[in-house]
PDB file of N, CA and C in Angstrom:
ATOM      1  N   MET A   1     202.172  29.999  32.696  1.00  0.00           N
ATOM      2  CA  MET A   1     201.601  28.900  31.957  1.00  0.00           C
ATOM      3  C   MET A   1     200.091  29.118  31.865  1.00  0.00           C
ATOM      4  N   ASN A   2     199.630  29.602  30.733  1.00  0.00           N
ATOM      5  CA  ASN A   2     198.213  29.897  30.552  1.00  0.00           C
ATOM      6  C   ASN A   2     197.569  28.856  29.653  1.00  0.00           C
ATOM      7  N   GLY A   3     197.402  27.650  30.149  1.00  0.00           N
ATOM      8  CA  GLY A   3     196.812  26.587  29.344  1.00  0.00           C
ATOM      9  C   GLY A   3     195.340  26.826  29.086  1.00  0.00           C
ATOM     10  N   LYS A   4     194.816  26.175  28.082  1.00  0.00           N
ATOM     11  CA  LYS A   4     193.405  26.297  27.765  1.00  0.00           C
ATOM     12  C   LYS A   4     192.562  25.823  28.932  1.00  0.00           C
ATOM     13  N   ARG A   5     192.962  24.734  29.579  1.00  0.00           N
ATOM     14  CA  ARG A   5     192.308  24.290  30.802  1.00  0.00           C
ATOM     15  C   ARG A   5     193.351  23.590  31.666  1.00  0.00           C
ATOM     16  N   TYR A   6     193.064  23.543  32.959  1.00  0.00           N
ATOM     17  CA  TYR A   6     194.009  22.951  33.890  1.00  0.00           C
ATOM     18  C   TYR A   6     194.206  21.468  33.597  1.00  0.00           C
ATOM     19  N   SER A   7     195.435  21.033  33.662  1.00  0.00           N
ATOM     20  CA  SER A   7     195.757  19.620  33.498  1.00  0.00           C
ATOM     21  C   SER A   7     196.821  19.254  34.519  1.00  0.00           C
ATOM     22  N   ARG A   8     196.510  18.310  35.392  1.00  0.00           N
ATOM     23  CA  ARG A   8     197.468  17.860  36.401  1.00  0.00           C
ATOM     24  C   ARG A   8     198.727  17.321  35.719  1.00  0.00           C
ATOM     25  N   GLN A   9     198.528  16.557  34.643  1.00  0.00           N
ATOM     26  CA  GLN A   9     199.683  15.985  33.947  1.00  0.00           C
ATOM     27  C   GLN A   9     200.549  17.084  33.334  1.00  0.00           C
ATOM     28  N   ARG A  10     199.921  18.127  32.774  1.00  0.00           N
ATOM     29  CA  ARG A  10     200.696  19.236  32.213  1.00  0.00           C
ATOM     30  C   ARG A  10     201.490  19.936  33.304  1.00  0.00           C
ATOM     31  N   GLU A  11     200.858  20.112  34.473  1.00  0.00           N
ATOM     32  CA  GLU A  11     201.559  20.720  35.617  1.00  0.00           C
ATOM     33  C   GLU A  11     202.768  19.876  36.025  1.00  0.00           C
ATOM     34  N   LEU A  12     202.606  18.555  36.076  1.00  0.00           N
ATOM     35  CA  LEU A  12     203.717  17.655  36.418  1.00  0.00           C
ATOM     36  C   LEU A  12     204.856  17.766  35.409  1.00  0.00           C
ATOM     37  N   ILE A  13     204.501  17.782  34.140  1.00  0.00           N
ATOM     38  CA  ILE A  13     205.493  17.857  33.069  1.00  0.00           C
ATOM     39  C   ILE A  13     206.230  19.193  33.139  1.00  0.00           C
ATOM     40  N   TYR A  14     205.473  20.274  33.320  1.00  0.00           N
ATOM     41  CA  TYR A  14     206.080  21.598  33.410  1.00  0.00           C
ATOM     42  C   TYR A  14     206.989  21.698  34.636  1.00  0.00           C
ATOM     43  N   ALA A  15     206.537  21.169  35.766  1.00  0.00           N
ATOM     44  CA  ALA A  15     207.351  21.195  36.988  1.00  0.00           C
ATOM     45  C   ALA A  15     208.630  20.389  36.808  1.00  0.00           C
ATOM     46  N   ALA A  16     208.542  19.252  36.124  1.00  0.00           N
ATOM     47  CA  ALA A  16     209.742  18.447  35.877  1.00  0.00           C
ATOM     48  C   ALA A  16     210.741  19.222  35.032  1.00  0.00           C
ATOM     49  N   LEU A  17     210.246  19.940  34.035  1.00  0.00           N
ATOM     50  CA  LEU A  17     211.124  20.717  33.166  1.00  0.00           C
ATOM     51  C   LEU A  17     211.714  21.917  33.911  1.00  0.00           C
ATOM     52  N   LYS A  18     210.895  22.586  34.727  1.00  0.00           N
ATOM     53  CA  LYS A  18     211.390  23.726  35.502  1.00  0.00           C
ATOM     54  C   LYS A  18     212.431  23.285  36.536  1.00  0.00           C
ATOM     55  N   GLY A  19     212.337  22.025  36.979  1.00  0.00           N
ATOM     56  CA  GLY A  19     213.217  21.545  38.036  1.00  0.00           C
ATOM     57  C   GLY A  19     214.531  20.968  37.558  1.00  0.00           C
ATOM     58  N   THR A  20     214.846  21.132  36.285  1.00  0.00           N
ATOM     59  CA  THR A  20     216.095  20.581  35.768  1.00  0.00           C
ATOM     60  C   THR A  20     216.784  21.577  34.846  1.00  0.00           C
ATOM     61  N   ASP A  21     218.091  21.410  34.719  1.00  0.00           N
ATOM     62  CA  ASP A  21     218.829  22.209  33.736  1.00  0.00           C
ATOM     63  C   ASP A  21     219.380  21.316  32.626  1.00  0.00           C
ATOM     64  N   GLN A  22     218.808  20.118  32.491  1.00  0.00           N
ATOM     65  CA  GLN A  22     219.330  19.126  31.552  1.00  0.00           C
ATOM     66  C   GLN A  22     218.807  19.262  30.126  1.00  0.00           C
ATOM     67  N   HIS A  23     217.820  20.129  29.859  1.00  0.00           N
ATOM     68  CA  HIS A  23     217.240  20.250  28.520  1.00  0.00           C
ATOM     69  C   HIS A  23     216.774  18.882  28.018  1.00  0.00           C
ATOM     70  N   PRO A  24     215.854  18.265  28.740  1.00  0.00           N
ATOM     71  CA  PRO A  24     215.489  16.878  28.459  1.00  0.00           C
ATOM     72  C   PRO A  24     214.678  16.696  27.178  1.00  0.00           C
ATOM     73  N   THR A  25     214.723  15.470  26.683  1.00  0.00           N
ATOM     74  CA  THR A  25     213.826  15.053  25.609  1.00  0.00           C
ATOM     75  C   THR A  25     212.493  14.675  26.245  1.00  0.00           C
ATOM     76  N   ALA A  26     211.471  14.515  25.420  1.00  0.00           N
ATOM     77  CA  ALA A  26     210.173  14.066  25.925  1.00  0.00           C
ATOM     78  C   ALA A  26     210.314  12.698  26.588  1.00  0.00           C
ATOM     79  N   GLU A  27     211.140  11.831  26.005  1.00  0.00           N
ATOM     80  CA  GLU A  27     211.341  10.494  26.570  1.00  0.00           C
ATOM     81  C   GLU A  27     211.962  10.559  27.960  1.00  0.00           C
ATOM     82  N   MET A  28     212.901  11.477  28.152  1.00  0.00           N
ATOM     83  CA  MET A  28     213.527  11.630  29.467  1.00  0.00           C
ATOM     84  C   MET A  28     212.490  12.045  30.507  1.00  0.00           C
ATOM     85  N   ILE A  29     211.659  13.030  30.176  1.00  0.00           N
ATOM     86  CA  ILE A  29     210.627  13.496  31.105  1.00  0.00           C
ATOM     87  C   ILE A  29     209.670  12.353  31.422  1.00  0.00           C
ATOM     88  N   TYR A  30     209.290  11.606  30.414  1.00  0.00           N
ATOM     89  CA  TYR A  30     208.401  10.450  30.601  1.00  0.00           C
ATOM     90  C   TYR A  30     209.018   9.456  31.591  1.00  0.00           C
ATOM     91  N   GLN A  31     210.306   9.127  31.421  1.00  0.00           N
ATOM     92  CA  GLN A  31     210.974   8.178  32.320  1.00  0.00           C
ATOM     93  C   GLN A  31     211.048   8.712  33.749  1.00  0.00           C
ATOM     94  N   TRP A  32     211.227  10.013  33.909  1.00  0.00           N
ATOM     95  CA  TRP A  32     211.284  10.598  35.249  1.00  0.00           C
ATOM     96  C   TRP A  32     209.926  10.503  35.945  1.00  0.00           C
ATOM     97  N   LEU A  33     208.845  10.752  35.209  1.00  0.00           N
ATOM     98  CA  LEU A  33     207.519  10.871  35.815  1.00  0.00           C
ATOM     99  C   LEU A  33     206.750   9.553  35.899  1.00  0.00           C
ATOM    100  N   LYS A  34     207.046   8.605  35.033  1.00  0.00           N
ATOM    101  CA  LYS A  34     206.273   7.370  34.925  1.00  0.00           C
ATOM    102  C   LYS A  34     206.202   6.573  36.235  1.00  0.00           C
ATOM    103  N   PRO A  35     207.304   6.399  36.994  1.00  0.00           N
ATOM    104  CA  PRO A  35     207.230   5.575  38.212  1.00  0.00           C
ATOM    105  C   PRO A  35     206.144   6.025  39.190  1.00  0.00           C
ATOM    106  N   GLU A  36     205.967   7.332  39.362  1.00  0.00           N
ATOM    107  CA  GLU A  36     204.963   7.831  40.307  1.00  0.00           C
ATOM    108  C   GLU A  36     203.646   8.168  39.625  1.00  0.00           C
ATOM    109  N   ASN A  37     203.593   8.040  38.300  1.00  0.00           N
ATOM    110  CA  ASN A  37     202.387   8.357  37.530  1.00  0.00           C
ATOM    111  C   ASN A  37     202.151   7.262  36.499  1.00  0.00           C
ATOM    112  N   PRO A  38     201.726   6.077  36.959  1.00  0.00           N
ATOM    113  CA  PRO A  38     201.629   4.915  36.076  1.00  0.00           C
ATOM    114  C   PRO A  38     200.665   5.085  34.904  1.00  0.00           C
ATOM    115  N   ASN A  39     199.716   6.012  35.001  1.00  0.00           N
ATOM    116  CA  ASN A  39     198.769   6.221  33.897  1.00  0.00           C
ATOM    117  C   ASN A  39     199.300   7.184  32.835  1.00  0.00           C
ATOM    118  N   LEU A  40     200.473   7.745  33.059  1.00  0.00           N
ATOM    119  CA  LEU A  40     201.061   8.690  32.102  1.00  0.00           C
ATOM    120  C   LEU A  40     201.545   7.941  30.860  1.00  0.00           C
ATOM    121  N   SER A  41     201.243   8.495  29.694  1.00  0.00           N
ATOM    122  CA  SER A  41     201.735   7.898  28.446  1.00  0.00           C
ATOM    123  C   SER A  41     202.740   8.842  27.793  1.00  0.00           C
ATOM    124  N   LEU A  42     203.605   8.281  26.968  1.00  0.00           N
ATOM    125  CA  LEU A  42     204.580   9.101  26.242  1.00  0.00           C
ATOM    126  C   LEU A  42     203.855  10.086  25.333  1.00  0.00           C
ATOM    127  N   GLY A  43     202.752   9.660  24.738  1.00  0.00           N
ATOM    128  CA  GLY A  43     201.958  10.555  23.893  1.00  0.00           C
ATOM    129  C   GLY A  43     201.449  11.765  24.657  1.00  0.00           C
ATOM    130  N   THR A  44     201.054  11.562  25.909  1.00  0.00           N
ATOM    131  CA  THR A  44     200.590  12.661  26.750  1.00  0.00           C
ATOM    132  C   THR A  44     201.723  13.644  27.018  1.00  0.00           C
ATOM    133  N   VAL A  45     202.929  13.118  27.244  1.00  0.00           N
ATOM    134  CA  VAL A  45     204.079  13.993  27.471  1.00  0.00           C
ATOM    135  C   VAL A  45     204.334  14.837  26.225  1.00  0.00           C
ATOM    136  N   TYR A  46     204.393  14.204  25.060  1.00  0.00           N
ATOM    137  CA  TYR A  46     204.603  14.957  23.812  1.00  0.00           C
ATOM    138  C   TYR A  46     203.511  16.008  23.601  1.00  0.00           C
ATOM    139  N   ARG A  47     202.265  15.603  23.767  1.00  0.00           N
ATOM    140  CA  ARG A  47     201.134  16.503  23.532  1.00  0.00           C
ATOM    141  C   ARG A  47     201.221  17.726  24.445  1.00  0.00           C
ATOM    142  N   ASN A  48     201.526  17.496  25.725  1.00  0.00           N
ATOM    143  CA  ASN A  48     201.601  18.613  26.669  1.00  0.00           C
ATOM    144  C   ASN A  48     202.829  19.479  26.458  1.00  0.00           C
ATOM    145  N   LEU A  49     203.947  18.884  26.079  1.00  0.00           N
ATOM    146  CA  LEU A  49     205.127  19.700  25.747  1.00  0.00           C
ATOM    147  C   LEU A  49     204.833  20.590  24.545  1.00  0.00           C
ATOM    148  N   ASN A  50     204.134  20.057  23.558  1.00  0.00           N
ATOM    149  CA  ASN A  50     203.777  20.874  22.393  1.00  0.00           C
ATOM    150  C   ASN A  50     202.824  22.003  22.767  1.00  0.00           C
ATOM    151  N   LEU A  51     201.853  21.723  23.645  1.00  0.00           N
ATOM    152  CA  LEU A  51     200.944  22.773  24.118  1.00  0.00           C
ATOM    153  C   LEU A  51     201.716  23.856  24.872  1.00  0.00           C
ATOM    154  N   LEU A  52     202.609  23.439  25.764  1.00  0.00           N
ATOM    155  CA  LEU A  52     203.414  24.399  26.529  1.00  0.00           C
ATOM    156  C   LEU A  52     204.290  25.244  25.619  1.00  0.00           C
ATOM    157  N   ALA A  53     204.871  24.611  24.603  1.00  0.00           N
ATOM    158  CA  ALA A  53     205.714  25.348  23.652  1.00  0.00           C
ATOM    159  C   ALA A  53     204.873  26.310  22.820  1.00  0.00           C
ATOM    160  N   ASP A  54     203.713  25.862  22.372  1.00  0.00           N
ATOM    161  CA  ASP A  54     202.836  26.717  21.553  1.00  0.00           C
ATOM    162  C   ASP A  54     202.377  27.954  22.316  1.00  0.00           C
ATOM    163  N   GLU A  55     202.190  27.820  23.634  1.00  0.00           N
ATOM    164  CA  GLU A  55     201.745  28.981  24.416  1.00  0.00           C
ATOM    165  C   GLU A  55     202.911  29.806  24.955  1.00  0.00           C
ATOM    166  N   GLY A  56     204.153  29.395  24.648  1.00  0.00           N
ATOM    167  CA  GLY A  56     205.315  30.187  25.027  1.00  0.00           C
ATOM    168  C   GLY A  56     205.842  29.941  26.426  1.00  0.00           C
ATOM    169  N   ALA A  57     205.316  28.933  27.132  1.00  0.00           N
ATOM    170  CA  ALA A  57     205.771  28.644  28.497  1.00  0.00           C
ATOM    171  C   ALA A  57     207.128  27.949  28.501  1.00  0.00           C
ATOM    172  N   ILE A  58     207.436  27.231  27.430  1.00  0.00           N
ATOM    173  CA  ILE A  58     208.733  26.562  27.287  1.00  0.00           C
ATOM    174  C   ILE A  58     209.224  26.789  25.858  1.00  0.00           C
ATOM    175  N   ALA A  59     210.492  26.470  25.623  1.00  0.00           N
ATOM    176  CA  ALA A  59     211.076  26.642  24.295  1.00  0.00           C
ATOM    177  C   ALA A  59     211.434  25.295  23.698  1.00  0.00           C
ATOM    178  N   ARG A  60     211.126  25.122  22.416  1.00  0.00           N
ATOM    179  CA  ARG A  60     211.595  23.959  21.665  1.00  0.00           C
ATOM    180  C   ARG A  60     213.025  24.245  21.238  1.00  0.00           C
ATOM    181  N   MET A  61     213.842  23.219  21.232  1.00  0.00           N
ATOM    182  CA  MET A  61     215.233  23.390  20.855  1.00  0.00           C
ATOM    183  C   MET A  61     215.570  22.453  19.711  1.00  0.00           C
ATOM    184  N   ALA A  62     216.157  23.007  18.671  1.00  0.00           N
ATOM    185  CA  ALA A  62     216.421  22.239  17.451  1.00  0.00           C
ATOM    186  C   ALA A  62     217.753  21.510  17.541  1.00  0.00           C
ATOM    187  N   PHE A  63     217.766  20.423  18.265  1.00  0.00           N
ATOM    188  CA  PHE A  63     218.912  19.535  18.301  1.00  0.00           C
ATOM    189  C   PHE A  63     218.520  18.289  17.520  1.00  0.00           C
ATOM    190  N   PRO A  64     219.444  17.357  17.264  1.00  0.00           N
ATOM    191  CA  PRO A  64     219.068  16.168  16.485  1.00  0.00           C
ATOM    192  C   PRO A  64     217.803  15.489  17.003  1.00  0.00           C
ATOM    193  N   VAL A  65     217.621  15.465  18.325  1.00  0.00           N
ATOM    194  CA  VAL A  65     216.367  15.036  18.930  1.00  0.00           C
ATOM    195  C   VAL A  65     215.807  16.276  19.597  1.00  0.00           C
ATOM    196  N   GLU A  66     214.529  16.581  19.356  1.00  0.00           N
ATOM    197  CA  GLU A  66     213.955  17.793  19.917  1.00  0.00           C
ATOM    198  C   GLU A  66     214.057  17.773  21.432  1.00  0.00           C
ATOM    199  N   ARG A  67     214.564  18.846  22.001  1.00  0.00           N
ATOM    200  CA  ARG A  67     214.683  19.015  23.438  1.00  0.00           C
ATOM    201  C   ARG A  67     213.869  20.223  23.847  1.00  0.00           C
ATOM    202  N   TYR A  68     213.704  20.415  25.137  1.00  0.00           N
ATOM    203  CA  TYR A  68     212.864  21.492  25.644  1.00  0.00           C
ATOM    204  C   TYR A  68     213.605  22.234  26.749  1.00  0.00           C
ATOM    205  N   ASP A  69     213.275  23.507  26.923  1.00  0.00           N
ATOM    206  CA  ASP A  69     213.949  24.343  27.904  1.00  0.00           C
ATOM    207  C   ASP A  69     212.915  25.242  28.568  1.00  0.00           C
ATOM    208  N   ALA A  70     212.865  25.227  29.894  1.00  0.00           N
ATOM    209  CA  ALA A  70     211.935  26.091  30.623  1.00  0.00           C
ATOM    210  C   ALA A  70     212.435  27.530  30.678  1.00  0.00           C
ATOM    211  N   GLU A  71     213.698  27.754  30.355  1.00  0.00           N
ATOM    212  CA  GLU A  71     214.252  29.112  30.315  1.00  0.00           C
ATOM    213  C   GLU A  71     214.004  29.666  28.915  1.00  0.00           C
ATOM    214  N   THR A  72     213.026  30.583  28.788  1.00  0.00           N
ATOM    215  CA  THR A  72     212.625  31.057  27.468  1.00  0.00           C
ATOM    216  C   THR A  72     213.308  32.351  27.045  1.00  0.00           C
ATOM    217  N   ARG A  73     214.068  32.973  27.944  1.00  0.00           N
ATOM    218  CA  ARG A  73     214.800  34.171  27.508  1.00  0.00           C
ATOM    219  C   ARG A  73     215.878  33.720  26.524  1.00  0.00           C
ATOM    220  N   PRO A  74     216.229  34.572  25.555  1.00  0.00           N
ATOM    221  CA  PRO A  74     217.280  34.175  24.607  1.00  0.00           C
ATOM    222  C   PRO A  74     218.609  33.960  25.332  1.00  0.00           C
ATOM    223  N   HIS A  75     219.231  32.813  25.073  1.00  0.00           N
ATOM    224  CA  HIS A  75     220.533  32.517  25.668  1.00  0.00           C
ATOM    225  C   HIS A  75     221.199  31.421  24.844  1.00  0.00           C
ATOM    226  N   PRO A  76     222.532  31.399  24.811  1.00  0.00           N
ATOM    227  CA  PRO A  76     223.245  30.389  24.036  1.00  0.00           C
ATOM    228  C   PRO A  76     223.346  29.059  24.780  1.00  0.00           C
ATOM    229  N   HIS A  77     223.646  28.015  24.022  1.00  0.00           N
ATOM    230  CA  HIS A  77     223.788  26.664  24.558  1.00  0.00           C
ATOM    231  C   HIS A  77     225.097  26.049  24.115  1.00  0.00           C
ATOM    232  N   PHE A  78     225.510  25.046  24.865  1.00  0.00           N
ATOM    233  CA  PHE A  78     226.679  24.236  24.517  1.00  0.00           C
ATOM    234  C   PHE A  78     226.199  22.797  24.401  1.00  0.00           C
ATOM    235  N   CYS A  79     226.562  22.125  23.312  1.00  0.00           N
ATOM    236  CA  CYS A  79     226.187  20.732  23.091  1.00  0.00           C
ATOM    237  C   CYS A  79     227.464  19.898  23.035  1.00  0.00           C
ATOM    238  N   CYS A  80     227.565  18.932  23.957  1.00  0.00           N
ATOM    239  CA  CYS A  80     228.747  18.068  24.002  1.00  0.00           C
ATOM    240  C   CYS A  80     228.667  17.027  22.888  1.00  0.00           C
ATOM    241  N   GLN A  81     229.689  16.978  22.067  1.00  0.00           N
ATOM    242  CA  GLN A  81     229.727  16.029  20.963  1.00  0.00           C
ATOM    243  C   GLN A  81     230.125  14.631  21.424  1.00  0.00           C
ATOM    244  N   ALA A  82     230.564  14.505  22.668  1.00  0.00           N
ATOM    245  CA  ALA A  82     230.927  13.189  23.200  1.00  0.00           C
ATOM    246  C   ALA A  82     229.727  12.497  23.837  1.00  0.00           C
ATOM    247  N   CYS A  83     229.017  13.193  24.743  1.00  0.00           N
ATOM    248  CA  CYS A  83     227.917  12.546  25.472  1.00  0.00           C
ATOM    249  C   CYS A  83     226.538  13.044  25.066  1.00  0.00           C
ATOM    250  N   GLY A  84     226.470  14.144  24.319  1.00  0.00           N
ATOM    251  CA  GLY A  84     225.185  14.667  23.871  1.00  0.00           C
ATOM    252  C   GLY A  84     224.490  15.588  24.860  1.00  0.00           C
ATOM    253  N   SER A  85     225.106  15.854  26.015  1.00  0.00           N
ATOM    254  CA  SER A  85     224.490  16.756  26.999  1.00  0.00           C
ATOM    255  C   SER A  85     224.412  18.173  26.439  1.00  0.00           C
ATOM    256  N   VAL A  86     223.397  18.904  26.905  1.00  0.00           N
ATOM    257  CA  VAL A  86     223.202  20.292  26.492  1.00  0.00           C
ATOM    258  C   VAL A  86     223.210  21.158  27.741  1.00  0.00           C
ATOM    259  N   TYR A  87     223.954  22.255  27.686  1.00  0.00           N
ATOM    260  CA  TYR A  87     224.097  23.150  28.835  1.00  0.00           C
ATOM    261  C   TYR A  87     223.755  24.576  28.426  1.00  0.00           C
ATOM    262  N   ASP A  88     223.187  25.353  29.372  1.00  0.00           N
ATOM    263  CA  ASP A  88     223.041  26.787  29.182  1.00  0.00           C
ATOM    264  C   ASP A  88     224.416  27.425  29.329  1.00  0.00           C
ATOM    265  N   LEU A  89     224.664  28.489  28.570  1.00  0.00           N
ATOM    266  CA  LEU A  89     225.876  29.279  28.744  1.00  0.00           C
ATOM    267  C   LEU A  89     225.467  30.667  29.233  1.00  0.00           C
ATOM    268  N   SER A  90     226.160  31.147  30.241  1.00  0.00           N
ATOM    269  CA  SER A  90     225.845  32.461  30.806  1.00  0.00           C
ATOM    270  C   SER A  90     226.576  33.541  30.026  1.00  0.00           C
ATOM    271  N   LEU A  91     226.104  33.754  28.820  1.00  0.00           N
ATOM    272  CA  LEU A  91     226.643  34.808  27.968  1.00  0.00           C
ATOM    273  C   LEU A  91     225.499  35.728  27.594  1.00  0.00           C
ATOM    274  N   PRO A  92     225.770  37.023  27.449  1.00  0.00           N
ATOM    275  CA  PRO A  92     224.686  37.938  27.092  1.00  0.00           C
ATOM    276  C   PRO A  92     224.212  37.693  25.660  1.00  0.00           C
ATOM    277  N   TYR A  93     222.931  37.953  25.427  1.00  0.00           N
ATOM    278  CA  TYR A  93     222.372  37.871  24.077  1.00  0.00           C
ATOM    279  C   TYR A  93     222.984  38.996  23.250  1.00  0.00           C
ATOM    280  N   ASP A  94     223.457  38.694  22.057  1.00  0.00           N
ATOM    281  CA  ASP A  94     224.134  39.679  21.219  1.00  0.00           C
ATOM    282  C   ASP A  94     223.180  40.228  20.166  1.00  0.00           C
ATOM    283  N   LYS A  95     222.481  41.307  20.518  1.00  0.00           N
ATOM    284  CA  LYS A  95     221.523  41.958  19.608  1.00  0.00           C
ATOM    285  C   LYS A  95     222.244  42.474  18.356  1.00  0.00           C
ATOM    286  N   ALA A  96     223.528  42.807  18.490  1.00  0.00           N
ATOM    287  CA  ALA A  96     224.291  43.300  17.340  1.00  0.00           C
ATOM    288  C   ALA A  96     224.382  42.237  16.245  1.00  0.00           C
ATOM    289  N   LEU A  97     224.364  40.974  16.637  1.00  0.00           N
ATOM    290  CA  LEU A  97     224.397  39.891  15.657  1.00  0.00           C
ATOM    291  C   LEU A  97     223.125  39.890  14.808  1.00  0.00           C
ATOM    292  N   ASP A  98     221.987  40.191  15.429  1.00  0.00           N
ATOM    293  CA  ASP A  98     220.734  40.322  14.677  1.00  0.00           C
ATOM    294  C   ASP A  98     220.850  41.447  13.648  1.00  0.00           C
ATOM    295  N   GLU A  99     221.420  42.575  14.074  1.00  0.00           N
ATOM    296  CA  GLU A  99     221.596  43.720  13.171  1.00  0.00           C
ATOM    297  C   GLU A  99     222.536  43.361  12.014  1.00  0.00           C
ATOM    298  N   GLN A 100     223.617  42.641  12.317  1.00  0.00           N
ATOM    299  CA  GLN A 100     224.553  42.230  11.266  1.00  0.00           C
ATOM    300  C   GLN A 100     223.864  41.315  10.257  1.00  0.00           C
ATOM    301  N   ALA A 101     223.028  40.397  10.744  1.00  0.00           N
ATOM    302  CA  ALA A 101     222.310  39.486   9.856  1.00  0.00           C
ATOM    303  C   ALA A 101     221.335  40.262   8.975  1.00  0.00           C
ATOM    304  N   LEU A 102     220.674  41.247   9.541  1.00  0.00           N
ATOM    305  CA  LEU A 102     219.757  42.078   8.771  1.00  0.00           C
ATOM    306  C   LEU A 102     220.513  42.818   7.671  1.00  0.00           C
ATOM    307  N   LEU A 103     221.637  43.425   8.029  1.00  0.00           N
ATOM    308  CA  LEU A 103     222.419  44.183   7.051  1.00  0.00           C
ATOM    309  C   LEU A 103     222.998  43.279   5.966  1.00  0.00           C
ATOM    310  N   ALA A 104     223.403  42.076   6.341  1.00  0.00           N
ATOM    311  CA  ALA A 104     224.012  41.165   5.377  1.00  0.00           C
ATOM    312  C   ALA A 104     222.986  40.523   4.448  1.00  0.00           C
ATOM    313  N   SER A 105     221.730  40.424   4.911  1.00  0.00           N
ATOM    314  CA  SER A 105     220.754  39.659   4.142  1.00  0.00           C
ATOM    315  C   SER A 105     219.573  40.465   3.632  1.00  0.00           C
ATOM    316  N   GLY A 106     219.244  41.558   4.311  1.00  0.00           N
ATOM    317  CA  GLY A 106     218.042  42.299   3.972  1.00  0.00           C
ATOM    318  C   GLY A 106     216.783  41.675   4.555  1.00  0.00           C
ATOM    319  N   HIS A 107     216.907  40.536   5.258  1.00  0.00           N
ATOM    320  CA  HIS A 107     215.757  39.890   5.887  1.00  0.00           C
ATOM    321  C   HIS A 107     215.391  40.633   7.170  1.00  0.00           C
ATOM    322  N   ASP A 108     214.132  40.551   7.567  1.00  0.00           N
ATOM    323  CA  ASP A 108     213.714  41.075   8.865  1.00  0.00           C
ATOM    324  C   ASP A 108     214.101  40.039   9.916  1.00  0.00           C
ATOM    325  N   VAL A 109     215.135  40.328  10.674  1.00  0.00           N
ATOM    326  CA  VAL A 109     215.654  39.385  11.667  1.00  0.00           C
ATOM    327  C   VAL A 109     215.006  39.675  13.012  1.00  0.00           C
ATOM    328  N   THR A 110     214.394  38.658  13.598  1.00  0.00           N
ATOM    329  CA  THR A 110     213.723  38.826  14.897  1.00  0.00           C
ATOM    330  C   THR A 110     214.494  38.185  16.041  1.00  0.00           C
ATOM    331  N   GLY A 111     215.561  37.469  15.728  1.00  0.00           N
ATOM    332  CA  GLY A 111     216.347  36.839  16.777  1.00  0.00           C
ATOM    333  C   GLY A 111     217.205  35.735  16.205  1.00  0.00           C
ATOM    334  N   HIS A 112     217.991  35.114  17.081  1.00  0.00           N
ATOM    335  CA  HIS A 112     218.859  34.010  16.649  1.00  0.00           C
ATOM    336  C   HIS A 112     219.060  33.037  17.803  1.00  0.00           C
ATOM    337  N   GLU A 113     219.484  31.840  17.447  1.00  0.00           N
ATOM    338  CA  GLU A 113     219.890  30.839  18.430  1.00  0.00           C
ATOM    339  C   GLU A 113     221.373  30.589  18.226  1.00  0.00           C
ATOM    340  N   LEU A 114     222.078  30.432  19.307  1.00  0.00           N
ATOM    341  CA  LEU A 114     223.514  30.214  19.239  1.00  0.00           C
ATOM    342  C   LEU A 114     223.851  28.931  19.982  1.00  0.00           C
ATOM    343  N   ILE A 115     224.459  27.990  19.279  1.00  0.00           N
ATOM    344  CA  ILE A 115     224.831  26.712  19.876  1.00  0.00           C
ATOM    345  C   ILE A 115     226.324  26.495  19.665  1.00  0.00           C
ATOM    346  N   PHE A 116     227.027  26.277  20.752  1.00  0.00           N
ATOM    347  CA  PHE A 116     228.440  25.948  20.699  1.00  0.00           C
ATOM    348  C   PHE A 116     228.583  24.432  20.801  1.00  0.00           C
ATOM    349  N   TYR A 117     229.564  23.878  20.125  1.00  0.00           N
ATOM    350  CA  TYR A 117     229.810  22.433  20.147  1.00  0.00           C
ATOM    351  C   TYR A 117     231.234  22.165  20.614  1.00  0.00           C
ATOM    352  N   GLY A 118     231.426  21.027  21.231  1.00  0.00           N
ATOM    353  CA  GLY A 118     232.753  20.623  21.694  1.00  0.00           C
ATOM    354  C   GLY A 118     232.624  19.486  22.689  1.00  0.00           C
ATOM    355  N   THR A 119     233.573  19.443  23.624  1.00  0.00           N
ATOM    356  CA  THR A 119     233.571  18.407  24.660  1.00  0.00           C
ATOM    357  C   THR A 119     233.310  19.079  26.004  1.00  0.00           C
ATOM    358  N   CYS A 120     232.298  18.591  26.720  1.00  0.00           N
ATOM    359  CA  CYS A 120     231.933  19.201  28.007  1.00  0.00           C
ATOM    360  C   CYS A 120     233.010  18.905  29.055  1.00  0.00           C
ATOM    361  N   ALA A 121     232.949  19.640  30.157  1.00  0.00           N
ATOM    362  CA  ALA A 121     233.937  19.493  31.229  1.00  0.00           C
ATOM    363  C   ALA A 121     233.943  18.080  31.801  1.00  0.00           C
ATOM    364  N   LYS A 122     232.751  17.456  31.946  1.00  0.00           N
ATOM    365  CA  LYS A 122     232.684  16.100  32.502  1.00  0.00           C
ATOM    366  C   LYS A 122     233.395  15.099  31.581  1.00  0.00           C
ATOM    367  N   CYS A 123     233.121  15.172  30.293  1.00  0.00           N
ATOM    368  CA  CYS A 123     233.772  14.240  29.347  1.00  0.00           C
ATOM    369  C   CYS A 123     235.265  14.520  29.234  1.00  0.00           C
ATOM    370  N   LYS A 124     235.633  15.791  29.316  1.00  0.00           N
ATOM    371  CA  LYS A 124     237.046  16.164  29.241  1.00  0.00           C
ATOM    372  C   LYS A 124     237.829  15.564  30.402  1.00  0.00           C
ATOM    373  N   ASP A 125     237.195  15.552  31.586  1.00  0.00           N
ATOM    374  CA  ASP A 125     237.829  15.016  32.784  1.00  0.00           C
ATOM    375  C   ASP A 125     238.015  13.503  32.704  1.00  0.00           C
ATOM    376  N   VAL A 126     237.142  12.826  31.945  1.00  0.00           N
ATOM    377  CA  VAL A 126     237.204  11.363  31.813  1.00  0.00           C
ATOM    378  C   VAL A 126     238.379  10.950  30.912  1.00  0.00           C
ATOM    379  N   HIS A 127     238.651  11.778  29.909  1.00  0.00           N
ATOM    380  CA  HIS A 127     239.685  11.406  28.918  1.00  0.00           C
ATOM    381  C   HIS A 127     241.042  11.959  29.239  1.00  0.00           C
TER     382      HIS A 127
END
């Protein structure tokens, strides 16, 4: 995390994101940190998440509500259509898919995101 200058709040936000596998929204991080940091504002959380994403310390994730991930290596995700939870999947990155996209389109492909949808194990167990 090479921020322009040190920020205690940015460190707190980054630590909260590193300490979870939930792929939280900015609002979730705000709710986690607010009780012990009463001066924290939601705007500060958004601003610092954007700074962290811009410098490559975290990844923005294009779900219906923007989520964030401290794991920046390419990896696929699973999104539960019942509860909305997002999970990492331990599958290897498929570089061949990038090559196929290049061959099919002629575009310079630099990578891809892979999102699987369905019902997560927790929701499946409930029904």
